Structure formats: structure tokens, C-alpha cells
Amino acid sequence: MMFYGFMGFLVIPAFVLGIIGSLISDKTIAGVLLVLAQYFQYLPWDLSE
């Protein structure tokens, strides 16, 4: 069940994570989200197979 929840998290667009990161006042959390956003841009998006 945890695996499916993680896969659901992966379908979040990278730009959405970037926007969320820019809105968070905590610079540490924002920085982590921005790094995740850049990482997700390189993931294969054909996860429906």
C-alpha cells in the first residue's frame, strides 16, 4: 500500500513542487522541494505501465 502512495506522489508535476517550495517560508524545506522538483524533471513519466 505504501508503494502505491509513493507512485501517486511521483505523478506530481515538477513545476508544482517548485511553486510550493517558493511559497514556503522555511528556506530549508523550500530548498529540499526545489531539489526534488529538479530531480522529478528527469524521471520517466510513463509510470502507467
PDB file of N, CA and C in Angstrom:
ATOM      1  N   MET A   1       0.842  -1.200   0.000  1.00  0.00           N
ATOM      2  CA  MET A   1       0.000   0.000   0.000  1.00  0.00           C
ATOM      3  C   MET A   1       0.883   1.258   0.000  1.00  0.00           C
ATOM      4  N   MET A   2       1.983   1.210   0.718  1.00  0.00           N
ATOM      5  CA  MET A   2       2.893   2.355   0.742  1.00  0.00           C
ATOM      6  C   MET A   2       3.456   2.617  -0.647  1.00  0.00           C
ATOM      7  N   PHE A   3       3.670   1.544  -1.416  1.00  0.00           N
ATOM      8  CA  PHE A   3       4.237   1.692  -2.752  1.00  0.00           C
ATOM      9  C   PHE A   3       3.308   2.489  -3.649  1.00  0.00           C
ATOM     10  N   TYR A   4       2.009   2.190  -3.591  1.00  0.00           N
ATOM     11  CA  TYR A   4       1.051   2.901  -4.435  1.00  0.00           C
ATOM     12  C   TYR A   4       0.942   4.364  -4.019  1.00  0.00           C
ATOM     13  N   GLY A   5       1.069   4.635  -2.737  1.00  0.00           N
ATOM     14  CA  GLY A   5       1.046   6.017  -2.269  1.00  0.00           C
ATOM     15  C   GLY A   5       2.253   6.784  -2.790  1.00  0.00           C
ATOM     16  N   PHE A   6       3.400   6.105  -2.841  1.00  0.00           N
ATOM     17  CA  PHE A   6       4.613   6.741  -3.346  1.00  0.00           C
ATOM     18  C   PHE A   6       4.493   7.002  -4.838  1.00  0.00           C
ATOM     19  N   MET A   7       3.919   6.051  -5.581  1.00  0.00           N
ATOM     20  CA  MET A   7       3.726   6.235  -7.018  1.00  0.00           C
ATOM     21  C   MET A   7       2.783   7.393  -7.276  1.00  0.00           C
ATOM     22  N   GLY A   8       1.768   7.545  -6.418  1.00  0.00           N
ATOM     23  CA  GLY A   8       0.842   8.665  -6.563  1.00  0.00           C
ATOM     24  C   GLY A   8       1.561   9.989  -6.353  1.00  0.00           C
ATOM     25  N   PHE A   9       2.549   9.985  -5.454  1.00  0.00           N
ATOM     26  CA  PHE A   9       3.331  11.196  -5.201  1.00  0.00           C
ATOM     27  C   PHE A   9       4.200  11.538  -6.405  1.00  0.00           C
ATOM     28  N   LEU A  10       4.649  10.523  -7.136  1.00  0.00           N
ATOM     29  CA  LEU A  10       5.552  10.746  -8.264  1.00  0.00           C
ATOM     30  C   LEU A  10       4.872  11.458  -9.424  1.00  0.00           C
ATOM     31  N   VAL A  11       3.544  11.380  -9.503  1.00  0.00           N
ATOM     32  CA  VAL A  11       2.854  11.985 -10.638  1.00  0.00           C
ATOM     33  C   VAL A  11       2.669  13.487 -10.455  1.00  0.00           C
ATOM     34  N   ILE A  12       3.105  14.030  -9.310  1.00  0.00           N
ATOM     35  CA  ILE A  12       3.022  15.473  -9.096  1.00  0.00           C
ATOM     36  C   ILE A  12       4.016  16.168 -10.030  1.00  0.00           C
ATOM     37  N   PRO A  13       3.542  17.108 -10.846  1.00  0.00           N
ATOM     38  CA  PRO A  13       4.435  17.805 -11.780  1.00  0.00           C
ATOM     39  C   PRO A  13       5.544  18.543 -11.042  1.00  0.00           C
ATOM     40  N   ALA A  14       6.716  18.596 -11.667  1.00  0.00           N
ATOM     41  CA  ALA A  14       7.868  19.228 -11.029  1.00  0.00           C
ATOM     42  C   ALA A  14       7.620  20.708 -10.771  1.00  0.00           C
ATOM     43  N   PHE A  15       6.922  21.381 -11.688  1.00  0.00           N
ATOM     44  CA  PHE A  15       6.705  22.816 -11.510  1.00  0.00           C
ATOM     45  C   PHE A  15       5.793  23.098 -10.321  1.00  0.00           C
ATOM     46  N   VAL A  16       4.890  22.148 -10.010  1.00  0.00           N
ATOM     47  CA  VAL A  16       4.026  22.312  -8.840  1.00  0.00           C
ATOM     48  C   VAL A  16       4.867  22.276  -7.566  1.00  0.00           C
ATOM     49  N   LEU A  17       5.824  21.359  -7.518  1.00  0.00           N
ATOM     50  CA  LEU A  17       6.708  21.290  -6.353  1.00  0.00           C
ATOM     51  C   LEU A  17       7.530  22.563  -6.225  1.00  0.00           C
ATOM     52  N   GLY A  18       7.945  23.115  -7.368  1.00  0.00           N
ATOM     53  CA  GLY A  18       8.712  24.357  -7.352  1.00  0.00           C
ATOM     54  C   GLY A  18       7.890  25.504  -6.798  1.00  0.00           C
ATOM     55  N   ILE A  19       6.620  25.585  -7.215  1.00  0.00           N
ATOM     56  CA  ILE A  19       5.740  26.652  -6.732  1.00  0.00           C
ATOM     57  C   ILE A  19       5.501  26.504  -5.234  1.00  0.00           C
ATOM     58  N   ILE A  20       5.240  25.278  -4.791  1.00  0.00           N
ATOM     59  CA  ILE A  20       5.021  25.030  -3.365  1.00  0.00           C
ATOM     60  C   ILE A  20       6.265  25.421  -2.568  1.00  0.00           C
ATOM     61  N   GLY A  21       7.427  25.066  -3.093  1.00  0.00           N
ATOM     62  CA  GLY A  21       8.675  25.399  -2.410  1.00  0.00           C
ATOM     63  C   GLY A  21       8.870  26.899  -2.280  1.00  0.00           C
ATOM     64  N   SER A  22       8.483  27.653  -3.320  1.00  0.00           N
ATOM     65  CA  SER A  22       8.670  29.101  -3.293  1.00  0.00           C
ATOM     66  C   SER A  22       7.709  29.768  -2.318  1.00  0.00           C
ATOM     67  N   LEU A  23       6.594  29.090  -2.003  1.00  0.00           N
ATOM     68  CA  LEU A  23       5.596  29.672  -1.110  1.00  0.00           C
ATOM     69  C   LEU A  23       5.875  29.371   0.360  1.00  0.00           C
ATOM     70  N   ILE A  24       6.765  28.403   0.607  1.00  0.00           N
ATOM     71  CA  ILE A  24       7.049  28.022   1.993  1.00  0.00           C
ATOM     72  C   ILE A  24       8.093  28.968   2.586  1.00  0.00           C
ATOM     73  N   SER A  25       7.819  29.472   3.776  1.00  0.00           N
ATOM     74  CA  SER A  25       8.717  30.440   4.397  1.00  0.00           C
ATOM     75  C   SER A  25      10.002  29.774   4.893  1.00  0.00           C
ATOM     76  N   ASP A  26       9.910  28.502   5.251  1.00  0.00           N
ATOM     77  CA  ASP A  26      11.088  27.788   5.737  1.00  0.00           C
ATOM     78  C   ASP A  26      12.013  27.503   4.554  1.00  0.00           C
ATOM     79  N   LYS A  27      13.150  28.169   4.517  1.00  0.00           N
ATOM     80  CA  LYS A  27      14.052  28.058   3.369  1.00  0.00           C
ATOM     81  C   LYS A  27      14.610  26.646   3.226  1.00  0.00           C
ATOM     82  N   THR A  28      14.751  25.931   4.335  1.00  0.00           N
ATOM     83  CA  THR A  28      15.281  24.572   4.268  1.00  0.00           C
ATOM     84  C   THR A  28      14.310  23.658   3.530  1.00  0.00           C
ATOM     85  N   ILE A  29      13.032  23.713   3.921  1.00  0.00           N
ATOM     86  CA  ILE A  29      12.026  22.880   3.267  1.00  0.00           C
ATOM     87  C   ILE A  29      11.873  23.298   1.811  1.00  0.00           C
ATOM     88  N   ALA A  30      11.895  24.613   1.557  1.00  0.00           N
ATOM     89  CA  ALA A  30      11.765  25.110   0.196  1.00  0.00           C
ATOM     90  C   ALA A  30      12.923  24.603  -0.662  1.00  0.00           C
ATOM     91  N   GLY A  31      14.122  24.615  -0.104  1.00  0.00           N
ATOM     92  CA  GLY A  31      15.284  24.144  -0.847  1.00  0.00           C
ATOM     93  C   GLY A  31      15.167  22.666  -1.188  1.00  0.00           C
ATOM     94  N   VAL A  32      14.678  21.877  -0.231  1.00  0.00           N
ATOM     95  CA  VAL A  32      14.501  20.443  -0.471  1.00  0.00           C
ATOM     96  C   VAL A  32      13.482  20.216  -1.578  1.00  0.00           C
ATOM     97  N   LEU A  33      12.379  20.965  -1.545  1.00  0.00           N
ATOM     98  CA  LEU A  33      11.350  20.805  -2.571  1.00  0.00           C
ATOM     99  C   LEU A  33      11.873  21.217  -3.941  1.00  0.00           C
ATOM    100  N   LEU A  34      12.691  22.248  -3.992  1.00  0.00           N
ATOM    101  CA  LEU A  34      13.245  22.686  -5.271  1.00  0.00           C
ATOM    102  C   LEU A  34      14.187  21.624  -5.837  1.00  0.00           C
ATOM    103  N   VAL A  35      14.961  20.990  -4.960  1.00  0.00           N
ATOM    104  CA  VAL A  35      15.846  19.907  -5.407  1.00  0.00           C
ATOM    105  C   VAL A  35      15.018  18.733  -5.918  1.00  0.00           C
ATOM    106  N   LEU A  36      13.926  18.412  -5.204  1.00  0.00           N
ATOM    107  CA  LEU A  36      13.041  17.336  -5.645  1.00  0.00           C
ATOM    108  C   LEU A  36      12.414  17.675  -6.990  1.00  0.00           C
ATOM    109  N   ALA A  37      12.045  18.942  -7.176  1.00  0.00           N
ATOM    110  CA  ALA A  37      11.428  19.360  -8.431  1.00  0.00           C
ATOM    111  C   ALA A  37      12.396  19.150  -9.591  1.00  0.00           C
ATOM    112  N   GLN A  38      13.655  19.493  -9.400  1.00  0.00           N
ATOM    113  CA  GLN A  38      14.637  19.295 -10.459  1.00  0.00           C
ATOM    114  C   GLN A  38      14.866  17.808 -10.705  1.00  0.00           C
ATOM    115  N   TYR A  39      14.832  17.000  -9.634  1.00  0.00           N
ATOM    116  CA  TYR A  39      15.032  15.558  -9.779  1.00  0.00           C
ATOM    117  C   TYR A  39      13.887  14.937 -10.560  1.00  0.00           C
ATOM    118  N   PHE A  40      12.636  15.349 -10.252  1.00  0.00           N
ATOM    119  CA  PHE A  40      11.476  14.754 -10.903  1.00  0.00           C
ATOM    120  C   PHE A  40      11.410  15.094 -12.387  1.00  0.00           C
ATOM    121  N   GLN A  41      12.082  16.162 -12.815  1.00  0.00           N
ATOM    122  CA  GLN A  41      12.070  16.525 -14.229  1.00  0.00           C
ATOM    123  C   GLN A  41      12.764  15.454 -15.071  1.00  0.00           C
ATOM    124  N   TYR A  42      13.643  14.672 -14.452  1.00  0.00           N
ATOM    125  CA  TYR A  42      14.409  13.671 -15.189  1.00  0.00           C
ATOM    126  C   TYR A  42      13.829  12.268 -15.072  1.00  0.00           C
ATOM    127  N   LEU A  43      12.722  12.133 -14.336  1.00  0.00           N
ATOM    128  CA  LEU A  43      12.096  10.818 -14.213  1.00  0.00           C
ATOM    129  C   LEU A  43      11.311  10.477 -15.469  1.00  0.00           C
ATOM    130  N   PRO A  44      11.274   9.202 -15.839  1.00  0.00           N
ATOM    131  CA  PRO A  44      10.409   8.771 -16.949  1.00  0.00           C
ATOM    132  C   PRO A  44       8.954   8.911 -16.533  1.00  0.00           C
ATOM    133  N   TRP A  45       8.143   9.537 -17.381  1.00  0.00           N
ATOM    134  CA  TRP A  45       6.766   9.833 -16.994  1.00  0.00           C
ATOM    135  C   TRP A  45       5.789   8.769 -17.465  1.00  0.00           C
ATOM    136  N   ASP A  46       6.294   7.640 -18.017  1.00  0.00           N
ATOM    137  CA  ASP A  46       5.393   6.557 -18.436  1.00  0.00           C
ATOM    138  C   ASP A  46       5.232   5.555 -17.287  1.00  0.00           C
ATOM    139  N   LEU A  47       4.750   6.040 -16.150  1.00  0.00           N
ATOM    140  CA  LEU A  47       4.623   5.198 -14.958  1.00  0.00           C
ATOM    141  C   LEU A  47       3.343   4.369 -14.977  1.00  0.00           C
ATOM    142  N   SER A  48       2.507   4.562 -16.012  1.00  0.00           N
ATOM    143  CA  SER A  48       1.217   3.870 -16.047  1.00  0.00           C
ATOM    144  C   SER A  48       1.353   2.431 -16.530  1.00  0.00           C
ATOM    145  N   GLU A  49       2.551   2.042 -16.963  1.00  0.00           N
ATOM    146  CA  GLU A  49       2.735   0.683 -17.483  1.00  0.00           C
ATOM    147  C   GLU A  49       2.662  -0.345 -16.359  1.00  0.00           C
TER     148      GLU A  49
END
